[in-house]
Amino acid sequence: MEKLFAYGNLREEDIQETVFGRLLTGIPETLMGYAVKQIKIEEEYGIESYPIIESTENKQDTISGMVYEVSVEELQLADRYEGKHYKRIQVQLKSNQAAWAFTAIT
């Protein structure tokens, strides 16, 4: 199993049902040294704003989220859901466990 840190839409039950076909069970977790920023993405009906994490390397900057255990196949489903504007990176959580999280492609 893989660990996935979610700080945005992937925490929502309806999104989980759509992406994974099930509800995920997670535990609250904190990502240190990152801040949430906004990116603008052109959608079918105009420009939309979405949250994205950005490294600050300042341990005072934290993001609250959830960490979920998912299969490799489910991680690939998350990749497809996040689309071409996001990439998956490995991050170190406050609990000292490693997890995957999504950030903007730069």
PDB file of N, CA and C in Angstrom:
ATOM      1  N   MET A   1       0.839  -1.191   0.000  1.00  0.00           N
ATOM      2  CA  MET A   1       0.000   0.000   0.000  1.00  0.00           C
ATOM      3  C   MET A   1       0.881   1.251   0.000  1.00  0.00           C
ATOM      4  N   GLU A   2       0.325   2.285  -0.588  1.00  0.00           N
ATOM      5  CA  GLU A   2       0.994   3.578  -0.670  1.00  0.00           C
ATOM      6  C   GLU A   2       0.276   4.570   0.232  1.00  0.00           C
ATOM      7  N   LYS A   3       0.980   5.611   0.649  1.00  0.00           N
ATOM      8  CA  LYS A   3       0.359   6.668   1.458  1.00  0.00           C
ATOM      9  C   LYS A   3       0.165   7.896   0.575  1.00  0.00           C
ATOM     10  N   LEU A   4      -1.026   8.483   0.680  1.00  0.00           N
ATOM     11  CA  LEU A   4      -1.378   9.664  -0.104  1.00  0.00           C
ATOM     12  C   LEU A   4      -1.819  10.765   0.845  1.00  0.00           C
ATOM     13  N   PHE A   5      -1.125  11.908   0.809  1.00  0.00           N
ATOM     14  CA  PHE A   5      -1.501  13.058   1.626  1.00  0.00           C
ATOM     15  C   PHE A   5      -2.419  13.943   0.792  1.00  0.00           C
ATOM     16  N   ALA A   6      -3.624  14.169   1.291  1.00  0.00           N
ATOM     17  CA  ALA A   6      -4.608  14.994   0.587  1.00  0.00           C
ATOM     18  C   ALA A   6      -4.910  16.239   1.402  1.00  0.00           C
ATOM     19  N   TYR A   7      -4.911  17.384   0.735  1.00  0.00           N
ATOM     20  CA  TYR A   7      -5.163  18.673   1.382  1.00  0.00           C
ATOM     21  C   TYR A   7      -6.290  19.433   0.695  1.00  0.00           C
ATOM     22  N   GLY A   8      -6.826  18.873  -0.385  1.00  0.00           N
ATOM     23  CA  GLY A   8      -7.855  19.564  -1.170  1.00  0.00           C
ATOM     24  C   GLY A   8      -9.016  18.640  -1.498  1.00  0.00           C
ATOM     25  N   ASN A   9      -9.392  18.621  -2.767  1.00  0.00           N
ATOM     26  CA  ASN A   9     -10.578  17.890  -3.222  1.00  0.00           C
ATOM     27  C   ASN A   9     -10.568  16.400  -2.924  1.00  0.00           C
ATOM     28  N   LEU A  10      -9.415  15.785  -2.879  1.00  0.00           N
ATOM     29  CA  LEU A  10      -9.371  14.341  -2.646  1.00  0.00           C
ATOM     30  C   LEU A  10      -9.828  13.948  -1.244  1.00  0.00           C
ATOM     31  N   ARG A  11     -10.075  14.924  -0.395  1.00  0.00           N
ATOM     32  CA  ARG A  11     -10.643  14.636   0.939  1.00  0.00           C
ATOM     33  C   ARG A  11     -12.166  14.539   0.883  1.00  0.00           C
ATOM     34  N   GLU A  12     -12.770  15.017  -0.195  1.00  0.00           N
ATOM     35  CA  GLU A  12     -14.231  15.051  -0.298  1.00  0.00           C
ATOM     36  C   GLU A  12     -14.778  13.680  -0.697  1.00  0.00           C
ATOM     37  N   GLU A  13     -15.834  13.249   0.013  1.00  0.00           N
ATOM     38  CA  GLU A  13     -16.383  11.915  -0.205  1.00  0.00           C
ATOM     39  C   GLU A  13     -16.870  11.698  -1.631  1.00  0.00           C
ATOM     40  N   ASP A  14     -17.544  12.693  -2.218  1.00  0.00           N
ATOM     41  CA  ASP A  14     -18.056  12.504  -3.579  1.00  0.00           C
ATOM     42  C   ASP A  14     -16.910  12.372  -4.588  1.00  0.00           C
ATOM     43  N   ILE A  15     -15.822  13.083  -4.362  1.00  0.00           N
ATOM     44  CA  ILE A  15     -14.646  12.969  -5.234  1.00  0.00           C
ATOM     45  C   ILE A  15     -14.010  11.586  -5.073  1.00  0.00           C
ATOM     46  N   GLN A  16     -13.898  11.115  -3.833  1.00  0.00           N
ATOM     47  CA  GLN A  16     -13.332   9.785  -3.589  1.00  0.00           C
ATOM     48  C   GLN A  16     -14.162   8.705  -4.277  1.00  0.00           C
ATOM     49  N   GLU A  17     -15.471   8.802  -4.181  1.00  0.00           N
ATOM     50  CA  GLU A  17     -16.358   7.836  -4.845  1.00  0.00           C
ATOM     51  C   GLU A  17     -16.130   7.851  -6.351  1.00  0.00           C
ATOM     52  N   THR A  18     -16.005   9.046  -6.927  1.00  0.00           N
ATOM     53  CA  THR A  18     -15.808   9.181  -8.368  1.00  0.00           C
ATOM     54  C   THR A  18     -14.445   8.659  -8.796  1.00  0.00           C
ATOM     55  N   VAL A  19     -13.393   9.035  -8.079  1.00  0.00           N
ATOM     56  CA  VAL A  19     -12.026   8.684  -8.474  1.00  0.00           C
ATOM     57  C   VAL A  19     -11.686   7.233  -8.144  1.00  0.00           C
ATOM     58  N   PHE A  20     -12.005   6.799  -6.922  1.00  0.00           N
ATOM     59  CA  PHE A  20     -11.561   5.493  -6.439  1.00  0.00           C
ATOM     60  C   PHE A  20     -12.665   4.435  -6.403  1.00  0.00           C
ATOM     61  N   GLY A  21     -13.921   4.878  -6.523  1.00  0.00           N
ATOM     62  CA  GLY A  21     -15.033   3.937  -6.438  1.00  0.00           C
ATOM     63  C   GLY A  21     -15.318   3.490  -5.024  1.00  0.00           C
ATOM     64  N   ARG A  22     -14.770   4.208  -4.056  1.00  0.00           N
ATOM     65  CA  ARG A  22     -14.980   3.887  -2.630  1.00  0.00           C
ATOM     66  C   ARG A  22     -14.613   5.096  -1.793  1.00  0.00           C
ATOM     67  N   LEU A  23     -15.017   5.063  -0.526  1.00  0.00           N
ATOM     68  CA  LEU A  23     -14.597   6.096   0.423  1.00  0.00           C
ATOM     69  C   LEU A  23     -13.300   5.639   1.073  1.00  0.00           C
ATOM     70  N   LEU A  24     -12.364   6.556   1.189  1.00  0.00           N
ATOM     71  CA  LEU A  24     -11.075   6.256   1.806  1.00  0.00           C
ATOM     72  C   LEU A  24     -11.146   6.506   3.306  1.00  0.00           C
ATOM     73  N   THR A  25     -10.419   5.705   4.058  1.00  0.00           N
ATOM     74  CA  THR A  25     -10.298   5.910   5.490  1.00  0.00           C
ATOM     75  C   THR A  25      -8.922   6.518   5.745  1.00  0.00           C
ATOM     76  N   GLY A  26      -8.924   7.684   6.376  1.00  0.00           N
ATOM     77  CA  GLY A  26      -7.653   8.366   6.596  1.00  0.00           C
ATOM     78  C   GLY A  26      -7.493   8.845   8.020  1.00  0.00           C
ATOM     79  N   ILE A  27      -6.310   9.373   8.285  1.00  0.00           N
ATOM     80  CA  ILE A  27      -6.041   9.959   9.592  1.00  0.00           C
ATOM     81  C   ILE A  27      -5.518  11.378   9.371  1.00  0.00           C
ATOM     82  N   PRO A  28      -5.853  12.295  10.283  1.00  0.00           N
ATOM     83  CA  PRO A  28      -5.350  13.665  10.156  1.00  0.00           C
ATOM     84  C   PRO A  28      -3.824  13.681  10.212  1.00  0.00           C
ATOM     85  N   GLU A  29      -3.240  14.554   9.408  1.00  0.00           N
ATOM     86  CA  GLU A  29      -1.788  14.634   9.336  1.00  0.00           C
ATOM     87  C   GLU A  29      -1.396  16.055   8.964  1.00  0.00           C
ATOM     88  N   THR A  30      -0.138  16.386   9.205  1.00  0.00           N
ATOM     89  CA  THR A  30       0.375  17.722   8.919  1.00  0.00           C
ATOM     90  C   THR A  30       1.610  17.613   8.037  1.00  0.00           C
ATOM     91  N   LEU A  31       1.644  18.462   7.028  1.00  0.00           N
ATOM     92  CA  LEU A  31       2.810  18.584   6.161  1.00  0.00           C
ATOM     93  C   LEU A  31       3.538  19.851   6.559  1.00  0.00           C
ATOM     94  N   MET A  32       4.809  19.727   6.907  1.00  0.00           N
ATOM     95  CA  MET A  32       5.599  20.870   7.372  1.00  0.00           C
ATOM     96  C   MET A  32       6.532  21.346   6.261  1.00  0.00           C
ATOM     97  N   GLY A  33       6.793  22.657   6.245  1.00  0.00           N
ATOM     98  CA  GLY A  33       7.705  23.210   5.260  1.00  0.00           C
ATOM     99  C   GLY A  33       7.060  23.509   3.924  1.00  0.00           C
ATOM    100  N   TYR A  34       5.725  23.551   3.913  1.00  0.00           N
ATOM    101  CA  TYR A  34       4.965  23.842   2.697  1.00  0.00           C
ATOM    102  C   TYR A  34       3.849  24.828   3.031  1.00  0.00           C
ATOM    103  N   ALA A  35       3.399  25.544   1.996  1.00  0.00           N
ATOM    104  CA  ALA A  35       2.246  26.441   2.111  1.00  0.00           C
ATOM    105  C   ALA A  35       1.309  26.157   0.945  1.00  0.00           C
ATOM    106  N   VAL A  36       0.032  26.449   1.147  1.00  0.00           N
ATOM    107  CA  VAL A  36      -0.953  26.288   0.077  1.00  0.00           C
ATOM    108  C   VAL A  36      -1.024  27.585  -0.714  1.00  0.00           C
ATOM    109  N   LYS A  37      -0.870  27.465  -2.005  1.00  0.00           N
ATOM    110  CA  LYS A  37      -1.011  28.575  -2.944  1.00  0.00           C
ATOM    111  C   LYS A  37      -2.184  28.252  -3.869  1.00  0.00           C
ATOM    112  N   GLN A  38      -2.499  29.168  -4.750  1.00  0.00           N
ATOM    113  CA  GLN A  38      -3.559  28.955  -5.732  1.00  0.00           C
ATOM    114  C   GLN A  38      -2.963  28.991  -7.132  1.00  0.00           C
ATOM    115  N   ILE A  39      -3.445  28.096  -7.997  1.00  0.00           N
ATOM    116  CA  ILE A  39      -3.076  28.173  -9.410  1.00  0.00           C
ATOM    117  C   ILE A  39      -4.362  28.373 -10.210  1.00  0.00           C
ATOM    118  N   LYS A  40      -4.221  28.989 -11.339  1.00  0.00           N
ATOM    119  CA  LYS A  40      -5.348  29.228 -12.237  1.00  0.00           C
ATOM    120  C   LYS A  40      -5.242  28.234 -13.385  1.00  0.00           C
ATOM    121  N   ILE A  41      -6.362  27.555 -13.644  1.00  0.00           N
ATOM    122  CA  ILE A  41      -6.414  26.575 -14.722  1.00  0.00           C
ATOM    123  C   ILE A  41      -7.606  26.912 -15.607  1.00  0.00           C
ATOM    124  N   GLU A  42      -7.357  26.928 -16.917  1.00  0.00           N
ATOM    125  CA  GLU A  42      -8.445  27.200 -17.854  1.00  0.00           C
ATOM    126  C   GLU A  42      -9.295  25.940 -18.001  1.00  0.00           C
ATOM    127  N   GLU A  43     -10.564  26.080 -17.650  1.00  0.00           N
ATOM    128  CA  GLU A  43     -11.532  24.995 -17.749  1.00  0.00           C
ATOM    129  C   GLU A  43     -12.485  25.283 -18.907  1.00  0.00           C
ATOM    130  N   GLU A  44     -13.381  24.385 -19.133  1.00  0.00           N
ATOM    131  CA  GLU A  44     -14.356  24.528 -20.227  1.00  0.00           C
ATOM    132  C   GLU A  44     -15.155  25.825 -20.138  1.00  0.00           C
ATOM    133  N   TYR A  45     -15.479  26.243 -18.923  1.00  0.00           N
ATOM    134  CA  TYR A  45     -16.332  27.422 -18.740  1.00  0.00           C
ATOM    135  C   TYR A  45     -15.585  28.637 -18.195  1.00  0.00           C
ATOM    136  N   GLY A  46     -14.273  28.648 -18.314  1.00  0.00           N
ATOM    137  CA  GLY A  46     -13.500  29.795 -17.849  1.00  0.00           C
ATOM    138  C   GLY A  46     -12.323  29.386 -16.983  1.00  0.00           C
ATOM    139  N   ILE A  47     -11.708  30.367 -16.358  1.00  0.00           N
ATOM    140  CA  ILE A  47     -10.541  30.151 -15.499  1.00  0.00           C
ATOM    141  C   ILE A  47     -11.017  29.813 -14.086  1.00  0.00           C
ATOM    142  N   GLU A  48     -10.471  28.725 -13.533  1.00  0.00           N
ATOM    143  CA  GLU A  48     -10.789  28.302 -12.167  1.00  0.00           C
ATOM    144  C   GLU A  48      -9.517  28.346 -11.327  1.00  0.00           C
ATOM    145  N   SER A  49      -9.690  28.556 -10.031  1.00  0.00           N
ATOM    146  CA  SER A  49      -8.595  28.599  -9.080  1.00  0.00           C
ATOM    147  C   SER A  49      -8.577  27.298  -8.280  1.00  0.00           C
ATOM    148  N   TYR A  50      -7.385  26.688  -8.139  1.00  0.00           N
ATOM    149  CA  TYR A  50      -7.250  25.429  -7.406  1.00  0.00           C
ATOM    150  C   TYR A  50      -6.087  25.541  -6.422  1.00  0.00           C
ATOM    151  N   PRO A  51      -6.190  24.841  -5.269  1.00  0.00           N
ATOM    152  CA  PRO A  51      -5.094  24.870  -4.296  1.00  0.00           C
ATOM    153  C   PRO A  51      -3.927  24.007  -4.765  1.00  0.00           C
ATOM    154  N   ILE A  52      -2.740  24.426  -4.376  1.00  0.00           N
ATOM    155  CA  ILE A  52      -1.530  23.693  -4.706  1.00  0.00           C
ATOM    156  C   ILE A  52      -0.526  23.895  -3.568  1.00  0.00           C
ATOM    157  N   ILE A  53       0.283  22.887  -3.288  1.00  0.00           N
ATOM    158  CA  ILE A  53       1.308  23.053  -2.256  1.00  0.00           C
ATOM    159  C   ILE A  53       2.593  23.544  -2.887  1.00  0.00           C
ATOM    160  N   GLU A  54       3.313  24.345  -2.113  1.00  0.00           N
ATOM    161  CA  GLU A  54       4.592  24.878  -2.574  1.00  0.00           C
ATOM    162  C   GLU A  54       5.578  24.806  -1.408  1.00  0.00           C
ATOM    163  N   SER A  55       6.750  24.275  -1.674  1.00  0.00           N
ATOM    164  CA  SER A  55       7.775  24.156  -0.636  1.00  0.00           C
ATOM    165  C   SER A  55       8.261  25.537  -0.208  1.00  0.00           C
ATOM    166  N   THR A  56       8.347  25.733   1.107  1.00  0.00           N
ATOM    167  CA  THR A  56       8.901  26.977   1.651  1.00  0.00           C
ATOM    168  C   THR A  56      10.193  26.693   2.412  1.00  0.00           C
ATOM    169  N   GLU A  57      10.412  25.428   2.762  1.00  0.00           N
ATOM    170  CA  GLU A  57      11.552  24.981   3.562  1.00  0.00           C
ATOM    171  C   GLU A  57      11.575  25.623   4.943  1.00  0.00           C
ATOM    172  N   ASN A  58      10.448  26.208   5.350  1.00  0.00           N
ATOM    173  CA  ASN A  58      10.290  26.796   6.678  1.00  0.00           C
ATOM    174  C   ASN A  58       9.365  25.883   7.477  1.00  0.00           C
ATOM    175  N   LYS A  59       9.883  25.216   8.495  1.00  0.00           N
ATOM    176  CA  LYS A  59       9.091  24.260   9.285  1.00  0.00           C
ATOM    177  C   LYS A  59       7.902  24.912   9.989  1.00  0.00           C
ATOM    178  N   GLN A  60       7.893  26.250  10.077  1.00  0.00           N
ATOM    179  CA  GLN A  60       6.756  26.969  10.672  1.00  0.00           C
ATOM    180  C   GLN A  60       5.538  26.931   9.744  1.00  0.00           C
ATOM    181  N   ASP A  61       5.786  26.770   8.447  1.00  0.00           N
ATOM    182  CA  ASP A  61       4.690  26.683   7.472  1.00  0.00           C
ATOM    183  C   ASP A  61       4.158  25.260   7.460  1.00  0.00           C
ATOM    184  N   THR A  62       2.857  25.107   7.693  1.00  0.00           N
ATOM    185  CA  THR A  62       2.269  23.779   7.745  1.00  0.00           C
ATOM    186  C   THR A  62       0.959  23.733   6.980  1.00  0.00           C
ATOM    187  N   ILE A  63       0.602  22.534   6.540  1.00  0.00           N
ATOM    188  CA  ILE A  63      -0.664  22.282   5.854  1.00  0.00           C
ATOM    189  C   ILE A  63      -1.339  21.119   6.557  1.00  0.00           C
ATOM    190  N   SER A  64      -2.579  21.320   6.954  1.00  0.00           N
ATOM    191  CA  SER A  64      -3.363  20.240   7.551  1.00  0.00           C
ATOM    192  C   SER A  64      -4.068  19.467   6.443  1.00  0.00           C
ATOM    193  N   GLY A  65      -4.088  18.169   6.601  1.00  0.00           N
ATOM    194  CA  GLY A  65      -4.756  17.334   5.611  1.00  0.00           C
ATOM    195  C   GLY A  65      -5.032  15.961   6.182  1.00  0.00           C
ATOM    196  N   MET A  66      -5.205  15.012   5.278  1.00  0.00           N
ATOM    197  CA  MET A  66      -5.452  13.627   5.661  1.00  0.00           C
ATOM    198  C   MET A  66      -4.464  12.751   4.916  1.00  0.00           C
ATOM    199  N   VAL A  67      -4.044  11.663   5.559  1.00  0.00           N
ATOM    200  CA  VAL A  67      -3.203  10.679   4.883  1.00  0.00           C
ATOM    201  C   VAL A  67      -4.032   9.399   4.745  1.00  0.00           C
ATOM    202  N   TYR A  68      -4.039   8.886   3.523  1.00  0.00           N
ATOM    203  CA  TYR A  68      -4.819   7.695   3.187  1.00  0.00           C
ATOM    204  C   TYR A  68      -3.890   6.603   2.682  1.00  0.00           C
ATOM    205  N   GLU A  69      -4.257   5.363   2.952  1.00  0.00           N
ATOM    206  CA  GLU A  69      -3.550   4.239   2.358  1.00  0.00           C
ATOM    207  C   GLU A  69      -4.315   3.843   1.110  1.00  0.00           C
ATOM    208  N   VAL A  70      -3.596   3.817  -0.011  1.00  0.00           N
ATOM    209  CA  VAL A  70      -4.203   3.466  -1.291  1.00  0.00           C
ATOM    210  C   VAL A  70      -3.300   2.464  -2.008  1.00  0.00           C
ATOM    211  N   SER A  71      -3.888   1.747  -2.938  1.00  0.00           N
ATOM    212  CA  SER A  71      -3.100   0.805  -3.736  1.00  0.00           C
ATOM    213  C   SER A  71      -2.342   1.567  -4.822  1.00  0.00           C
ATOM    214  N   VAL A  72      -1.411   0.902  -5.460  1.00  0.00           N
ATOM    215  CA  VAL A  72      -0.671   1.505  -6.567  1.00  0.00           C
ATOM    216  C   VAL A  72      -1.653   1.884  -7.683  1.00  0.00           C
ATOM    217  N   GLU A  73      -2.637   1.027  -7.939  1.00  0.00           N
ATOM    218  CA  GLU A  73      -3.628   1.311  -8.971  1.00  0.00           C
ATOM    219  C   GLU A  73      -4.442   2.555  -8.615  1.00  0.00           C
ATOM    220  N   GLU A  74      -4.809   2.697  -7.343  1.00  0.00           N
ATOM    221  CA  GLU A  74      -5.563   3.880  -6.914  1.00  0.00           C
ATOM    222  C   GLU A  74      -4.707   5.142  -7.007  1.00  0.00           C
ATOM    223  N   LEU A  75      -3.423   5.020  -6.751  1.00  0.00           N
ATOM    224  CA  LEU A  75      -2.515   6.156  -6.902  1.00  0.00           C
ATOM    225  C   LEU A  75      -2.491   6.609  -8.363  1.00  0.00           C
ATOM    226  N   GLN A  76      -2.513   5.676  -9.274  1.00  0.00           N
ATOM    227  CA  GLN A  76      -2.565   6.002 -10.701  1.00  0.00           C
ATOM    228  C   GLN A  76      -3.891   6.659 -11.074  1.00  0.00           C
ATOM    229  N   LEU A  77      -4.981   6.242 -10.432  1.00  0.00           N
ATOM    230  CA  LEU A  77      -6.277   6.895 -10.646  1.00  0.00           C
ATOM    231  C   LEU A  77      -6.225   8.345 -10.163  1.00  0.00           C
ATOM    232  N   ALA A  78      -5.553   8.569  -9.040  1.00  0.00           N
ATOM    233  CA  ALA A  78      -5.389   9.938  -8.523  1.00  0.00           C
ATOM    234  C   ALA A  78      -4.559  10.775  -9.495  1.00  0.00           C
ATOM    235  N   ASP A  79      -3.529  10.175 -10.089  1.00  0.00           N
ATOM    236  CA  ASP A  79      -2.719  10.878 -11.090  1.00  0.00           C
ATOM    237  C   ASP A  79      -3.609  11.355 -12.240  1.00  0.00           C
ATOM    238  N   ARG A  80      -4.461  10.476 -12.733  1.00  0.00           N
ATOM    239  CA  ARG A  80      -5.346  10.833 -13.840  1.00  0.00           C
ATOM    240  C   ARG A  80      -6.338  11.914 -13.438  1.00  0.00           C
ATOM    241  N   TYR A  81      -6.865  11.816 -12.222  1.00  0.00           N
ATOM    242  CA  TYR A  81      -7.817  12.819 -11.727  1.00  0.00           C
ATOM    243  C   TYR A  81      -7.156  14.197 -11.648  1.00  0.00           C
ATOM    244  N   GLU A  82      -5.946  14.256 -11.115  1.00  0.00           N
ATOM    245  CA  GLU A  82      -5.269  15.543 -10.947  1.00  0.00           C
ATOM    246  C   GLU A  82      -4.887  16.162 -12.290  1.00  0.00           C
ATOM    247  N   GLY A  83      -4.650  15.356 -13.287  1.00  0.00           N
ATOM    248  CA  GLY A  83      -4.459  15.870 -14.640  1.00  0.00           C
ATOM    249  C   GLY A  83      -3.087  16.443 -14.937  1.00  0.00           C
ATOM    250  N   LYS A  84      -3.015  17.147 -16.054  1.00  0.00           N
ATOM    251  CA  LYS A  84      -1.733  17.595 -16.598  1.00  0.00           C
ATOM    252  C   LYS A  84      -1.112  18.779 -15.873  1.00  0.00           C
ATOM    253  N   HIS A  85      -1.852  19.437 -14.979  1.00  0.00           N
ATOM    254  CA  HIS A  85      -1.313  20.612 -14.290  1.00  0.00           C
ATOM    255  C   HIS A  85      -0.647  20.269 -12.957  1.00  0.00           C
ATOM    256  N   TYR A  86      -0.797  19.007 -12.527  1.00  0.00           N
ATOM    257  CA  TYR A  86      -0.260  18.577 -11.242  1.00  0.00           C
ATOM    258  C   TYR A  86       0.730  17.437 -11.440  1.00  0.00           C
ATOM    259  N   LYS A  87       1.691  17.344 -10.516  1.00  0.00           N
ATOM    260  CA  LYS A  87       2.590  16.200 -10.485  1.00  0.00           C
ATOM    261  C   LYS A  87       2.624  15.660  -9.068  1.00  0.00           C
ATOM    262  N   ARG A  88       2.912  14.386  -8.959  1.00  0.00           N
ATOM    263  CA  ARG A  88       2.968  13.724  -7.655  1.00  0.00           C
ATOM    264  C   ARG A  88       4.407  13.741  -7.172  1.00  0.00           C
ATOM    265  N   ILE A  89       4.590  14.168  -5.908  1.00  0.00           N
ATOM    266  CA  ILE A  89       5.916  14.194  -5.294  1.00  0.00           C
ATOM    267  C   ILE A  89       5.858  13.470  -3.952  1.00  0.00           C
ATOM    268  N   GLN A  90       6.998  13.016  -3.482  1.00  0.00           N
ATOM    269  CA  GLN A  90       7.050  12.394  -2.160  1.00  0.00           C
ATOM    270  C   GLN A  90       7.400  13.464  -1.134  1.00  0.00           C
ATOM    271  N   VAL A  91       6.653  13.462  -0.019  1.00  0.00           N
ATOM    272  CA  VAL A  91       6.860  14.439   1.045  1.00  0.00           C
ATOM    273  C   VAL A  91       7.022  13.706   2.371  1.00  0.00           C
ATOM    274  N   GLN A  92       7.630  14.402   3.330  1.00  0.00           N
ATOM    275  CA  GLN A  92       7.801  13.869   4.690  1.00  0.00           C
ATOM    276  C   GLN A  92       6.784  14.563   5.587  1.00  0.00           C
ATOM    277  N   LEU A  93       5.943  13.787   6.259  1.00  0.00           N
ATOM    278  CA  LEU A  93       4.905  14.342   7.124  1.00  0.00           C
ATOM    279  C   LEU A  93       5.424  14.552   8.540  1.00  0.00           C
ATOM    280  N   LYS A  94       4.668  15.292   9.321  1.00  0.00           N
ATOM    281  CA  LYS A  94       5.063  15.604  10.705  1.00  0.00           C
ATOM    282  C   LYS A  94       5.308  14.330  11.507  1.00  0.00           C
ATOM    283  N   SER A  95       4.517  13.285  11.240  1.00  0.00           N
ATOM    284  CA  SER A  95       4.665  12.004  11.946  1.00  0.00           C
ATOM    285  C   SER A  95       5.906  11.240  11.499  1.00  0.00           C
ATOM    286  N   ASN A  96       6.667  11.819  10.555  1.00  0.00           N
ATOM    287  CA  ASN A  96       7.903  11.249  10.028  1.00  0.00           C
ATOM    288  C   ASN A  96       7.657  10.164   8.984  1.00  0.00           C
ATOM    289  N   GLN A  97       6.416   9.973   8.564  1.00  0.00           N
ATOM    290  CA  GLN A  97       6.179   9.006   7.497  1.00  0.00           C
ATOM    291  C   GLN A  97       6.209   9.704   6.140  1.00  0.00           C
ATOM    292  N   ALA A  98       6.623   8.976   5.126  1.00  0.00           N
ATOM    293  CA  ALA A  98       6.659   9.501   3.762  1.00  0.00           C
ATOM    294  C   ALA A  98       5.309   9.250   3.106  1.00  0.00           C
ATOM    295  N   ALA A  99       4.893  10.187   2.270  1.00  0.00           N
ATOM    296  CA  ALA A  99       3.630  10.044   1.554  1.00  0.00           C
ATOM    297  C   ALA A  99       3.739  10.765   0.218  1.00  0.00           C
ATOM    298  N   TRP A 100       2.834  10.434  -0.686  1.00  0.00           N
ATOM    299  CA  TRP A 100       2.718  11.145  -1.949  1.00  0.00           C
ATOM    300  C   TRP A 100       1.783  12.323  -1.775  1.00  0.00           C
ATOM    301  N   ALA A 101       2.068  13.414  -2.480  1.00  0.00           N
ATOM    302  CA  ALA A 101       1.197  14.593  -2.496  1.00  0.00           C
ATOM    303  C   ALA A 101       1.299  15.214  -3.889  1.00  0.00           C
ATOM    304  N   PHE A 102       0.311  16.026  -4.231  1.00  0.00           N
ATOM    305  CA  PHE A 102       0.301  16.664  -5.548  1.00  0.00           C
ATOM    306  C   PHE A 102       0.665  18.131  -5.458  1.00  0.00           C
ATOM    307  N   THR A 103       1.515  18.564  -6.393  1.00  0.00           N
ATOM    308  CA  THR A 103       1.930  19.959  -6.500  1.00  0.00           C
ATOM    309  C   THR A 103       1.841  20.366  -7.964  1.00  0.00           C
ATOM    310  N   ALA A 104       2.026  21.628  -8.239  1.00  0.00           N
ATOM    311  CA  ALA A 104       1.923  22.128  -9.613  1.00  0.00           C
ATOM    312  C   ALA A 104       3.146  21.732 -10.426  1.00  0.00           C
ATOM    313  N   ILE A 105       2.930  21.487 -11.682  1.00  0.00           N
ATOM    314  CA  ILE A 105       4.031  21.269 -12.620  1.00  0.00           C
ATOM    315  C   ILE A 105       4.599  22.645 -12.942  1.00  0.00           C
ATOM    316  N   THR A 106       5.913  22.788 -12.791  1.00  0.00           N
ATOM    317  CA  THR A 106       6.532  24.092 -13.056  1.00  0.00           C
ATOM    318  C   THR A 106       7.449  24.027 -14.257  1.00  0.00           C
TER     319      THR A 106
END
